[in-house]
Amino acid sequence: MVFLVALPLSLGIAIASGAPVLAGLIAAIVGGLVVGVLGGSPLQVSGPAAGLTVVVADLVARFGWKVTCAITVGAGILQVLLGLSRVARAALAISPVVVHAMLAGIGVTIALQQLHVMLGGKSASSAWDNVIGLPHAVIDAQGPEPILGILVIVTMLAWRSVRGPLGRIPGPLVAITGATLLSLIFSLDVQRITLDGSLLDAIQLPELPHGKWTAAVIGVVTVALIASVESLLSAVSVDRMHTGPRTDFNRELIGQGTANVTSGMLGGLPITGVIVRSATNVTAGAKSRASAFLHGVWILLFALPFAGIVDKIPSAALAGLLITIGIQLIKLVHVETAWHSGDIAVYLVTILGVVFLNLLEGVLIGLVLALALTGWRVLRVKVTAEQVGDEWHVCVAGACTFLALPKLTGVLANIPVGARVRLEVSTTYLDHAAEQALADWQDQHRATGGMVYAFDETPPILAAACSTCTPGDGAVPGTAGHTDLHLHDAPLSRN
C-alpha cells in the first residue's frame, strides 16, 4: 500500500527539484531498503520529500545534477557523524514555529512554480518572477493542460472523503492514473514526462565541484540539517501514532545518513523520513521495520520493468499533484497555534524569507527572530506581590527562568517576615533555577514563622490559574509549573 503512495510522489518531487525523473525512484528504493534496515524508527518510511525540493532545485541550477549527488553524499556522511556523536536530540530543540513556517514556505514555492507548468508554461527560478508572471500565465492558458491539472487537484482533495475498500487506494495514484488514461484515450496533445533511459541507465556516479567549494559545503550542511530535522520530527510524529518500540534518534540519523550516501552514489535524490508515507504505513497495520523494507522492494520491482510507463504521464498532471502537496504543507492548525502563542510574526517572516530569499536565509531569520522573541518574553516575566486583607498574594506568570531571578528574589524579599502568603504560579515555562529559588524562599519563610499555602501542598510549587494576573496559556494543575514540553516530550530525553 505504501509504495502506491510513494510512486507518484517520488516522480513529482524529482521533477520539482529539477533532477532526472528516475532519481526520485532511486531515492525511494534506497530509502526503503537502507533506512528500513538501519534506521532507528521501525515504522517510519523514508524517501524523497517535498521539504528538500527548493534546496535541491537551487543546487541543481547552480552546480548541475552530478555535483548535487556529491553534495547528497557529503550530507549523508555528516548525518552519520552527527548520529555517532549522539547529538540527534539537539535537532528537536529547534523552534517548531520555524520548522512549520519553513515547510509552509516550501509549499508556497512549489505551488507557485507548478502553477505555471499546469497552465502550459514554464516556471521561473525566482518566486517573485513566478508571482509577477502568474496573471499572464492565466490569460495565456489554453489547451488541455489546465484541465488535466485541475482534475488531479480535485481528485486528490475529493478522494479523502471516499470510504470503504475503494478509499484504501491512494489518492495520488488514482489522480495521476486517471489523468494519464484520459490523455491517452482522447489522444490529447500535451507535454509528457521525459525519461533518459531505464532505471539502470539513470544510475550514475557523482562528481566533485569545480570551484565554488564554499557554496558546496554550505549545500552539504543545509541538506544534512534539513533532512535530519525533518526525519527526526517525522519520527516523533510516528511514535505518537503507535504503542510499539520508540525511536532511537541517533540510530535514525545514522540510517538516514547511510541512505543519503547510497542514494547520492547511485544518482538519487536526498532522502528523509516522510510523514505521509509513514502515516500510511502505520494506518495499514505495520508492526515492524519489514514494512518499510518491503516498500523499497515493491518500488524496485515496479521500476525495473515498468519505468517506461512514466513517460506517458502528462507534465500538467504531476504539476497538479505537486500543487496539492504544496498546499498541504500549509497547515491551518500551525497558523492557529502560531497566532494563539504570539508567534505569528515569526511564522510569517520565516515564510516570506523562504519564498523570496532562499530557504537557508529564511530559516536563519526565523530562528533569530524566535530567539529574540523568547528573550523578550523572559525579560517580561510578571512577578507581583500585593497585600489583600491579612495576607499577601504572590503571583508569578510568564516564562520564568534564571534570567528572572533578580526580579523574583527582589519581590519576595519585600514580603514581611511571618506573613501569611498565598503563592500562585502560572508559568508558560519554569526552569530548575527559578523553581529552586521559589522552593528555597518557601522553606525560609516558613522557618521564620510565616505561612505559605497554595491549592496543592504536594509539589513544592503550585502551578494553577493565577487570579491576579493574566499569564496567557496558563499551566497544568498539579505539575509544579512545568509546561506541556515536560509532560509530553520527557521520554525524548531518556535514551
Protein backbone atom coordinates (compact mmCIF):
# COMPACT_ATOMS: atom_id res chain seq x y z
CA MET A 1 0.00 0.00 0.00
CA VAL A 2 2.75 2.48 0.95
CA PHE A 3 4.63 2.07 -2.33
CA LEU A 4 1.49 3.08 -4.23
CA VAL A 5 1.63 6.42 -2.40
CA ALA A 6 5.38 6.75 -2.94
CA LEU A 7 5.44 6.16 -6.71
CA PRO A 8 3.71 9.33 -7.96
CA LEU A 9 5.10 11.47 -5.13
CA SER A 10 8.68 10.43 -5.88
CA LEU A 11 8.29 11.25 -9.56
CA GLY A 12 6.72 14.63 -8.83
CA ILE A 13 9.37 15.61 -6.29
CA ALA A 14 12.13 14.73 -8.77
CA ILE A 15 10.58 16.96 -11.42
CA ALA A 16 10.04 19.84 -8.97
CA SER A 17 13.69 19.51 -7.91
CA GLY A 18 14.98 19.81 -11.46
CA ALA A 19 16.50 16.33 -11.16
CA PRO A 20 16.24 13.38 -13.55
CA VAL A 21 12.79 11.82 -13.15
CA LEU A 22 14.08 8.39 -12.15
CA ALA A 23 16.25 9.93 -9.42
CA GLY A 24 13.06 10.05 -7.37
CA LEU A 25 12.52 6.30 -7.74
CA ILE A 26 16.16 5.58 -6.89
CA ALA A 27 15.80 7.57 -3.67
CA ALA A 28 12.52 5.84 -2.81
CA ILE A 29 14.09 2.41 -3.32
CA VAL A 30 17.18 3.25 -1.27
CA GLY A 31 15.07 4.87 1.46
CA GLY A 32 13.06 1.69 1.87
CA LEU A 33 15.91 -0.80 1.65
CA VAL A 34 18.60 1.04 3.63
CA VAL A 35 16.68 3.04 6.25
CA GLY A 36 14.23 0.17 6.60
CA VAL A 37 17.10 -1.97 7.89
CA LEU A 38 19.41 0.54 9.61
CA GLY A 39 17.03 3.28 10.82
CA GLY A 40 16.06 3.82 14.43
CA SER A 41 12.33 4.40 13.81
CA PRO A 42 10.89 0.94 12.97
CA LEU A 43 7.67 2.15 11.36
CA GLN A 44 8.97 5.25 9.59
CA VAL A 45 9.14 5.16 5.79
CA SER A 46 11.84 7.22 4.09
CA GLY A 47 12.35 8.56 0.59
CA PRO A 48 12.48 11.84 -1.35
CA ALA A 49 10.46 14.57 0.37
CA ALA A 50 8.98 17.92 -0.57
CA GLY A 51 10.86 19.59 2.28
CA LEU A 52 14.13 19.47 0.32
CA THR A 53 12.70 20.35 -3.09
CA VAL A 54 13.64 24.03 -3.03
CA VAL A 55 17.18 23.34 -1.78
CA VAL A 56 17.85 20.61 -4.34
CA ALA A 57 16.45 22.72 -7.19
CA ASP A 58 18.83 25.53 -6.24
CA LEU A 59 21.78 23.13 -6.06
CA VAL A 60 20.96 21.60 -9.45
CA ALA A 61 20.69 25.05 -11.04
CA ARG A 62 23.99 26.13 -9.51
CA PHE A 63 26.15 23.00 -9.78
CA GLY A 64 24.41 20.54 -12.08
CA TRP A 65 22.97 17.16 -11.19
CA LYS A 66 26.14 15.10 -10.68
CA VAL A 67 27.67 17.61 -8.28
CA THR A 68 24.34 17.73 -6.42
CA CYS A 69 24.66 13.97 -5.97
CA ALA A 70 28.12 14.52 -4.44
CA ILE A 71 26.59 17.08 -2.07
CA THR A 72 23.99 14.47 -1.09
CA VAL A 73 26.81 12.03 -0.30
CA GLY A 74 28.54 14.67 1.83
CA ALA A 75 25.29 15.43 3.66
CA GLY A 76 24.86 11.72 4.39
CA ILE A 77 28.37 11.47 5.82
CA LEU A 78 27.65 14.48 8.05
CA GLN A 79 24.41 12.85 9.25
CA VAL A 80 26.26 9.65 10.15
CA LEU A 81 28.83 11.67 12.12
CA LEU A 82 26.05 13.53 13.96
CA GLY A 83 24.39 10.23 14.82
CA LEU A 84 27.65 8.73 16.08
CA SER A 85 28.18 11.89 18.16
CA ARG A 86 24.79 11.25 19.80
CA VAL A 87 23.55 14.79 19.24
CA ALA A 88 20.37 13.83 17.39
CA ARG A 89 18.11 15.20 20.11
CA ALA A 90 19.54 18.68 19.66
CA ALA A 91 17.57 18.94 16.41
CA LEU A 92 14.36 18.65 18.42
CA ALA A 93 15.21 21.92 20.19
CA ILE A 94 14.58 23.97 17.04
CA SER A 95 11.55 26.19 17.43
CA PRO A 96 8.53 24.31 16.00
CA VAL A 97 7.05 27.51 14.56
CA VAL A 98 10.18 27.98 12.42
CA VAL A 99 10.00 24.39 11.16
CA HIS A 100 6.30 24.75 10.35
CA ALA A 101 6.91 28.05 8.58
CA MET A 102 9.83 26.56 6.64
CA LEU A 103 7.60 23.77 5.33
CA ALA A 104 4.82 26.24 4.54
CA GLY A 105 7.29 28.44 2.64
CA ILE A 106 8.45 25.42 0.66
CA GLY A 107 4.81 24.63 -0.09
CA VAL A 108 4.17 28.15 -1.40
CA THR A 109 7.30 27.99 -3.56
CA ILE A 110 6.33 24.63 -5.06
CA ALA A 111 2.77 25.76 -5.75
CA LEU A 112 3.93 28.97 -7.46
CA GLN A 113 6.35 27.08 -9.68
CA GLN A 114 3.97 24.31 -10.67
CA LEU A 115 1.04 26.62 -11.39
CA HIS A 116 2.94 27.81 -14.47
CA VAL A 117 3.58 24.21 -15.58
CA MET A 118 -0.06 23.27 -15.06
CA LEU A 119 -1.11 26.24 -17.19
CA GLY A 120 1.09 25.03 -20.04
CA GLY A 121 4.04 27.35 -19.48
CA LYS A 122 7.41 27.23 -17.74
CA SER A 123 8.24 28.32 -14.22
CA ALA A 124 10.94 30.85 -13.40
CA SER A 125 13.70 30.24 -10.89
CA SER A 126 12.64 33.23 -8.79
CA ALA A 127 9.47 33.14 -6.69
CA TRP A 128 8.97 36.86 -7.33
CA ASP A 129 9.14 36.30 -11.10
CA ASN A 130 6.60 33.49 -10.73
CA VAL A 131 4.25 35.82 -8.85
CA ILE A 132 4.65 38.64 -11.37
CA GLY A 133 4.17 36.32 -14.33
CA LEU A 134 1.16 34.47 -12.95
CA PRO A 135 -1.55 36.80 -14.35
CA HIS A 136 -0.08 36.50 -17.86
CA ALA A 137 0.15 32.72 -17.48
CA VAL A 138 -3.54 32.55 -16.55
CA ILE A 139 -4.55 34.74 -19.51
CA ASP A 140 -2.41 32.76 -21.97
CA ALA A 141 -3.50 29.35 -20.66
CA GLN A 142 -5.05 27.16 -23.31
CA GLY A 143 -5.25 23.53 -24.35
CA PRO A 144 -5.94 20.52 -22.14
CA GLU A 145 -3.08 21.02 -19.65
CA PRO A 146 -5.00 23.21 -17.17
CA ILE A 147 -7.97 20.82 -17.31
CA LEU A 148 -5.79 17.80 -16.51
CA GLY A 149 -4.04 19.64 -13.67
CA ILE A 150 -7.29 20.83 -12.12
CA LEU A 151 -8.71 17.31 -12.48
CA VAL A 152 -5.78 15.91 -10.48
CA ILE A 153 -6.20 18.54 -7.74
CA VAL A 154 -9.95 17.95 -7.45
CA THR A 155 -9.50 14.17 -7.43
CA MET A 156 -6.90 14.28 -4.65
CA LEU A 157 -8.98 16.59 -2.49
CA ALA A 158 -12.21 14.67 -3.07
CA TRP A 159 -10.62 11.25 -2.55
CA ARG A 160 -10.23 11.97 1.16
CA SER A 161 -13.97 11.52 1.62
CA VAL A 162 -14.09 8.15 -0.15
CA ARG A 163 -14.70 5.29 2.29
CA GLY A 164 -14.66 1.52 2.09
CA PRO A 165 -12.28 -0.68 0.06
CA LEU A 166 -12.10 1.92 -2.71
CA GLY A 167 -10.87 4.54 -0.28
CA ARG A 168 -7.83 2.39 0.55
CA ILE A 169 -6.39 3.15 -2.88
CA PRO A 170 -4.05 6.17 -2.53
CA GLY A 171 -5.49 9.39 -3.92
CA PRO A 172 -2.28 10.44 -5.76
CA LEU A 173 -2.23 7.14 -7.64
CA VAL A 174 -5.89 7.47 -8.64
CA ALA A 175 -5.44 11.09 -9.76
CA ILE A 176 -2.30 10.53 -11.86
CA THR A 177 -3.59 7.28 -13.38
CA GLY A 178 -6.94 8.86 -14.25
CA ALA A 179 -5.39 11.94 -15.88
CA THR A 180 -2.92 9.79 -17.84
CA LEU A 181 -5.63 7.44 -19.14
CA LEU A 182 -7.79 10.38 -20.22
CA SER A 183 -4.89 11.94 -22.11
CA LEU A 184 -4.22 8.65 -23.90
CA ILE A 185 -7.84 7.73 -24.65
CA PHE A 186 -8.56 11.13 -26.21
CA SER A 187 -5.07 11.43 -27.77
CA LEU A 188 -4.51 14.80 -26.12
CA ASP A 189 -1.58 16.85 -27.40
CA VAL A 190 0.14 17.57 -24.09
CA GLN A 191 3.70 17.67 -22.84
CA ARG A 192 4.65 14.44 -21.09
CA ILE A 193 7.39 13.32 -18.73
CA THR A 194 10.71 12.75 -20.45
CA LEU A 195 12.85 9.76 -19.46
CA ASP A 196 16.55 9.36 -20.17
CA GLY A 197 16.64 5.58 -20.47
CA SER A 198 15.79 2.86 -17.96
CA LEU A 199 16.29 2.77 -14.21
CA LEU A 200 19.71 1.18 -14.67
CA ASP A 201 20.65 3.93 -17.13
CA ALA A 202 19.73 6.54 -14.50
CA ILE A 203 22.36 5.22 -12.09
CA GLN A 204 25.41 7.49 -12.30
CA LEU A 205 28.37 8.35 -10.12
CA PRO A 206 28.61 11.83 -8.56
CA GLU A 207 31.20 14.43 -9.48
CA LEU A 208 33.10 16.83 -7.25
CA PRO A 209 32.51 20.55 -7.86
CA HIS A 210 34.95 22.51 -10.00
CA GLY A 211 35.43 25.53 -7.77
CA LYS A 212 32.63 27.06 -5.64
CA TRP A 213 33.73 24.88 -2.71
CA THR A 214 32.33 27.25 -0.10
CA ALA A 215 28.88 27.14 -1.69
CA ALA A 216 29.14 23.35 -1.98
CA VAL A 217 29.99 22.98 1.72
CA ILE A 218 27.06 25.23 2.63
CA GLY A 219 24.89 22.98 0.47
CA VAL A 220 26.13 19.88 2.32
CA VAL A 221 25.35 21.41 5.72
CA THR A 222 21.95 22.70 4.56
CA VAL A 223 20.84 19.36 3.12
CA ALA A 224 22.11 17.48 6.18
CA LEU A 225 20.39 19.74 8.70
CA ILE A 226 17.05 19.96 6.91
CA ALA A 227 16.96 16.23 6.16
CA SER A 228 17.87 15.44 9.78
CA VAL A 229 15.32 17.77 11.35
CA GLU A 230 12.54 16.61 9.03
CA SER A 231 13.36 12.94 9.66
CA LEU A 232 13.51 13.31 13.44
CA LEU A 233 10.31 15.35 13.66
CA SER A 234 8.59 12.79 11.45
CA ALA A 235 9.85 10.03 13.76
CA VAL A 236 8.39 11.85 16.78
CA SER A 237 5.02 12.06 15.00
CA VAL A 238 5.15 8.36 14.09
CA ASP A 239 5.88 7.43 17.73
CA ARG A 240 2.67 9.17 18.74
CA MET A 241 0.69 7.01 16.30
CA HIS A 242 1.56 3.61 17.76
CA THR A 243 2.44 1.87 21.03
CA GLY A 244 5.36 -0.21 19.74
CA PRO A 245 9.10 0.37 20.18
CA ARG A 246 10.16 4.01 20.44
CA THR A 247 12.60 5.71 18.10
CA ASP A 248 16.34 5.59 18.70
CA PHE A 249 17.08 9.05 17.31
CA ASN A 250 20.84 8.65 16.95
CA ARG A 251 20.41 5.35 15.10
CA GLU A 252 17.81 7.01 12.89
CA LEU A 253 20.33 9.69 11.91
CA ILE A 254 22.92 7.03 11.11
CA GLY A 255 20.39 5.16 8.98
CA GLN A 256 19.28 8.31 7.16
CA GLY A 257 22.90 9.32 6.56
CA THR A 258 23.82 5.91 5.19
CA ALA A 259 20.83 6.06 2.86
CA ASN A 260 21.85 9.51 1.59
CA VAL A 261 25.39 8.31 0.91
CA THR A 262 23.97 5.36 -1.03
CA SER A 263 21.38 7.45 -2.90
CA GLY A 264 23.94 10.09 -3.86
CA MET A 265 26.38 7.46 -5.11
CA LEU A 266 23.66 5.94 -7.32
CA GLY A 267 22.34 9.24 -8.68
CA GLY A 268 19.30 9.57 -6.43
CA LEU A 269 17.66 12.47 -4.60
CA PRO A 270 18.36 13.25 -0.92
CA ILE A 271 16.30 11.14 1.49
CA THR A 272 14.37 11.98 4.65
CA GLY A 273 11.71 10.39 6.78
CA VAL A 274 8.34 11.17 5.16
CA ILE A 275 5.33 11.55 7.44
CA VAL A 276 2.75 10.97 4.67
CA ARG A 277 4.15 7.55 3.81
CA SER A 278 4.88 6.72 7.45
CA ALA A 279 1.31 7.54 8.50
CA THR A 280 0.00 5.34 5.68
CA ASN A 281 2.32 2.58 6.89
CA VAL A 282 1.02 2.74 10.47
CA THR A 283 -2.61 3.04 9.36
CA ALA A 284 -2.18 -0.04 7.17
CA GLY A 285 -1.30 -2.06 10.28
CA ALA A 286 2.50 -2.22 10.08
CA LYS A 287 4.12 -3.75 13.17
CA SER A 288 7.82 -3.96 12.28
CA ARG A 289 10.53 -2.46 10.09
CA ALA A 290 9.83 -5.15 7.48
CA SER A 291 7.04 -2.98 6.04
CA ALA A 292 9.44 -0.10 5.26
CA PHE A 293 11.91 -2.53 3.69
CA LEU A 294 9.18 -4.10 1.53
CA HIS A 295 8.16 -0.60 0.41
CA GLY A 296 11.59 -0.32 -1.21
CA VAL A 297 11.37 -3.82 -2.67
CA TRP A 298 7.99 -3.16 -4.31
CA ILE A 299 9.18 0.10 -5.89
CA LEU A 300 12.27 -1.71 -7.21
CA LEU A 301 10.14 -4.49 -8.71
CA PHE A 302 7.90 -1.89 -10.37
CA ALA A 303 10.67 0.37 -11.62
CA LEU A 304 12.81 -2.25 -13.34
CA PRO A 305 10.25 -3.49 -15.91
CA PHE A 306 7.68 -0.68 -15.92
CA ALA A 307 9.68 2.56 -15.68
CA GLY A 308 8.88 3.22 -19.35
CA ILE A 309 5.25 3.80 -18.40
CA VAL A 310 6.32 7.01 -16.69
CA ASP A 311 6.81 8.85 -20.00
CA LYS A 312 3.07 8.55 -20.64
CA ILE A 313 2.24 10.82 -17.69
CA PRO A 314 1.30 14.41 -18.65
CA SER A 315 3.52 17.05 -17.05
CA ALA A 316 0.41 19.05 -16.10
CA ALA A 317 -0.92 16.08 -14.13
CA LEU A 318 2.22 15.88 -12.00
CA ALA A 319 2.10 19.67 -11.65
CA GLY A 320 -1.40 19.34 -10.21
CA LEU A 321 -0.10 16.70 -7.79
CA LEU A 322 2.74 18.98 -6.66
CA ILE A 323 0.42 21.96 -6.23
CA THR A 324 -1.74 19.86 -3.93
CA ILE A 325 1.32 18.72 -1.98
CA GLY A 326 2.48 22.33 -1.68
CA ILE A 327 -0.89 23.47 -0.39
CA GLN A 328 -0.98 20.62 2.12
CA LEU A 329 2.33 21.78 3.58
CA ILE A 330 0.50 24.91 4.77
CA LYS A 331 -1.45 23.61 7.76
CA LEU A 332 -4.13 25.81 9.28
CA VAL A 333 -3.57 24.23 12.69
CA HIS A 334 0.01 25.54 12.63
CA VAL A 335 -1.19 29.03 11.71
CA GLU A 336 -3.72 28.92 14.54
CA THR A 337 -1.09 27.72 17.01
CA ALA A 338 1.30 30.49 15.96
CA TRP A 339 -1.47 33.06 16.36
CA HIS A 340 -2.52 31.95 19.84
CA SER A 341 1.06 31.58 21.08
CA GLY A 342 2.03 35.04 19.85
CA ASP A 343 4.49 33.64 17.29
CA ILE A 344 2.58 34.67 14.16
CA ALA A 345 5.22 37.29 13.29
CA VAL A 346 7.95 34.62 13.35
CA TYR A 347 5.77 32.36 11.20
CA LEU A 348 5.04 34.98 8.54
CA VAL A 349 8.56 36.42 8.39
CA THR A 350 10.04 32.93 8.00
CA ILE A 351 7.63 32.08 5.17
CA LEU A 352 8.44 35.31 3.33
CA GLY A 353 12.16 34.72 3.79
CA VAL A 354 11.97 31.15 2.49
CA VAL A 355 9.86 32.15 -0.52
CA PHE A 356 11.52 35.39 -1.62
CA LEU A 357 15.12 34.98 -0.38
CA ASN A 358 16.09 31.34 -0.04
CA LEU A 359 15.44 28.53 2.37
CA LEU A 360 18.61 28.89 4.44
CA GLU A 361 18.32 32.66 4.88
CA GLY A 362 14.61 32.41 5.64
CA VAL A 363 15.16 29.79 8.35
CA LEU A 364 18.06 31.73 9.89
CA ILE A 365 15.96 34.90 10.01
CA GLY A 366 13.13 32.94 11.61
CA LEU A 367 15.42 31.40 14.23
CA VAL A 368 16.95 34.76 15.15
CA LEU A 369 13.51 36.34 15.45
CA ALA A 370 12.23 33.40 17.52
CA LEU A 371 15.20 33.67 19.90
CA ALA A 372 14.73 37.43 20.20
CA LEU A 373 11.04 36.98 20.95
CA THR A 374 11.80 34.33 23.57
CA GLY A 375 14.34 36.62 25.23
CA TRP A 376 11.85 39.48 25.24
CA ARG A 377 9.23 37.26 26.89
CA VAL A 378 11.69 36.07 29.51
CA LEU A 379 12.63 39.62 30.39
CA ARG A 380 8.93 40.48 30.72
CA VAL A 381 8.12 37.78 33.28
CA LYS A 382 5.49 39.08 35.69
CA VAL A 383 6.17 38.76 39.40
CA THR A 384 3.80 40.60 41.74
CA ALA A 385 3.22 40.70 45.48
CA GLU A 386 0.33 42.62 46.99
CA GLN A 387 -1.35 42.67 50.37
CA VAL A 388 -5.00 41.62 50.34
CA GLY A 389 -6.55 41.84 53.77
CA ASP A 390 -4.42 39.98 56.29
CA GLU A 391 -2.43 38.01 53.71
CA TRP A 392 -0.08 38.57 50.80
CA HIS A 393 -0.81 37.34 47.29
CA VAL A 394 2.28 36.42 45.26
CA CYS A 395 1.81 35.69 41.57
CA VAL A 396 4.43 34.52 39.08
CA ALA A 397 3.39 34.46 35.41
CA GLY A 398 5.10 34.14 32.04
CA ALA A 399 8.37 32.40 31.20
CA CYS A 400 10.30 32.29 34.46
CA THR A 401 13.96 31.30 34.08
CA PHE A 402 17.28 32.08 35.77
CA LEU A 403 17.26 35.42 33.93
CA ALA A 404 14.26 36.44 36.05
CA LEU A 405 15.92 35.60 39.39
CA PRO A 406 16.82 39.23 40.25
CA LYS A 407 13.21 40.33 39.80
CA LEU A 408 11.82 37.23 41.52
CA THR A 409 14.05 37.39 44.58
CA GLY A 410 13.61 41.15 44.83
CA VAL A 411 9.81 40.89 45.01
CA LEU A 412 9.93 38.01 47.51
CA ALA A 413 12.36 39.94 49.72
CA ASN A 414 9.74 42.67 50.25
CA ILE A 415 7.27 40.27 51.90
CA PRO A 416 7.28 40.80 55.69
CA VAL A 417 8.68 38.06 57.93
CA GLY A 418 5.94 35.90 59.43
CA ALA A 419 3.30 36.97 56.89
CA ARG A 420 0.63 34.64 55.58
CA VAL A 421 1.30 34.16 51.83
CA ARG A 422 -0.83 32.78 49.04
CA LEU A 423 1.53 31.63 46.26
CA GLU A 424 0.18 31.32 42.74
CA VAL A 425 2.40 30.22 39.87
CA SER A 426 1.04 30.24 36.33
CA THR A 427 4.01 29.98 34.01
CA THR A 428 4.41 29.03 30.38
CA TYR A 429 7.88 27.83 31.36
CA LEU A 430 9.63 27.39 34.71
CA ASP A 431 13.25 26.25 34.74
CA HIS A 432 15.05 24.50 37.58
CA ALA A 433 16.81 27.62 38.85
CA ALA A 434 13.57 29.57 39.26
CA GLU A 435 11.81 26.56 40.76
CA GLN A 436 14.60 26.09 43.28
CA ALA A 437 14.57 29.78 44.20
CA LEU A 438 10.85 29.63 44.95
CA ALA A 439 11.23 26.43 46.96
CA ASP A 440 14.13 27.87 48.99
CA TRP A 441 12.15 31.04 49.73
CA GLN A 442 9.17 28.98 50.91
CA ASP A 443 11.37 26.97 53.27
CA GLN A 444 13.00 30.11 54.65
CA HIS A 445 9.69 31.95 55.07
CA ARG A 446 8.12 29.03 56.93
CA ALA A 447 11.23 28.63 59.09
CA THR A 448 10.88 32.24 60.28
CA GLY A 449 7.26 31.78 61.35
CA GLY A 450 5.49 32.61 58.13
CA MET A 451 2.85 30.59 56.33
CA VAL A 452 2.87 29.74 52.61
CA TYR A 453 -0.04 27.90 51.10
CA ALA A 454 -1.27 27.00 47.66
CA PHE A 455 -4.03 24.93 46.12
CA ASP A 456 -1.95 21.75 46.46
CA GLU A 457 0.83 21.31 49.00
CA THR A 458 2.17 18.08 47.46
CA PRO A 459 4.59 19.65 44.96
CA PRO A 460 6.99 22.35 46.18
CA ILE A 461 5.40 24.87 43.83
CA LEU A 462 1.86 25.10 42.64
CA ALA A 463 1.04 25.80 39.01
CA ALA A 464 -2.54 26.92 38.80
CA ALA A 465 -4.59 29.57 37.08
CA CYS A 466 -3.48 32.87 38.56
CA SER A 467 -6.37 35.01 39.71
CA THR A 468 -4.49 38.29 39.97
CA CYS A 469 -2.63 38.36 36.64
CA THR A 470 -3.03 37.26 33.05
CA PRO A 471 -0.45 34.59 32.31
CA GLY A 472 -1.52 33.66 28.81
CA ASP A 473 -1.88 29.96 28.24
CA GLY A 474 -1.65 29.04 31.88
CA ALA A 475 -0.19 25.86 33.32
CA VAL A 476 -1.37 22.38 34.09
CA PRO A 477 -2.69 21.96 37.65
CA GLY A 478 -0.56 19.76 39.86
CA THR A 479 2.56 19.81 37.68
CA ALA A 480 4.67 22.28 39.64
CA GLY A 481 4.53 24.83 36.89
CA HIS A 482 6.03 22.61 34.22
CA THR A 483 4.85 23.04 30.67
CA ASP A 484 3.44 20.58 28.18
CA LEU A 485 7.00 20.09 26.95
CA HIS A 486 7.92 18.43 30.24
CA LEU A 487 4.79 16.27 30.21
CA HIS A 488 4.69 15.03 26.63
CA ASP A 489 8.28 15.18 25.40
CA ALA A 490 10.06 13.97 28.54
CA PRO A 491 10.50 10.47 27.05
CA LEU A 492 12.72 12.05 24.36
CA SER A 493 15.43 12.68 26.94
CA ARG A 494 15.67 9.19 28.38
CA ASN A 495 17.95 7.46 25.86
